[in-house]
Amino acid sequence: MVKSKPKVVHYWLAELVDPETPITLSDEHTDYEWGGLEATKALSGFEDMNICLDSAESFLSSRR
């Protein structure tokens, strides 16, 4: 809840093609970190996010 209203979050699936691409952070961010699937799931701490990450990995793997 944000200000007594349900919070809506949109996630966009993307795959890094060129790891040399510079990262530009917005003023809403202070840092970023690249991590593998298991490391990212450990950081998330939310089962529903981990299910989403597993689904994304499965989808991307099927397209390789």
Foldseek 3Di string as FASTA:
>chain_A
DPPPDDDDDDDDQDDDDDPPDDDDDDPVDDDDDDDDLVVVVVVVPDPVVNVVSVVSVVVVVVVD
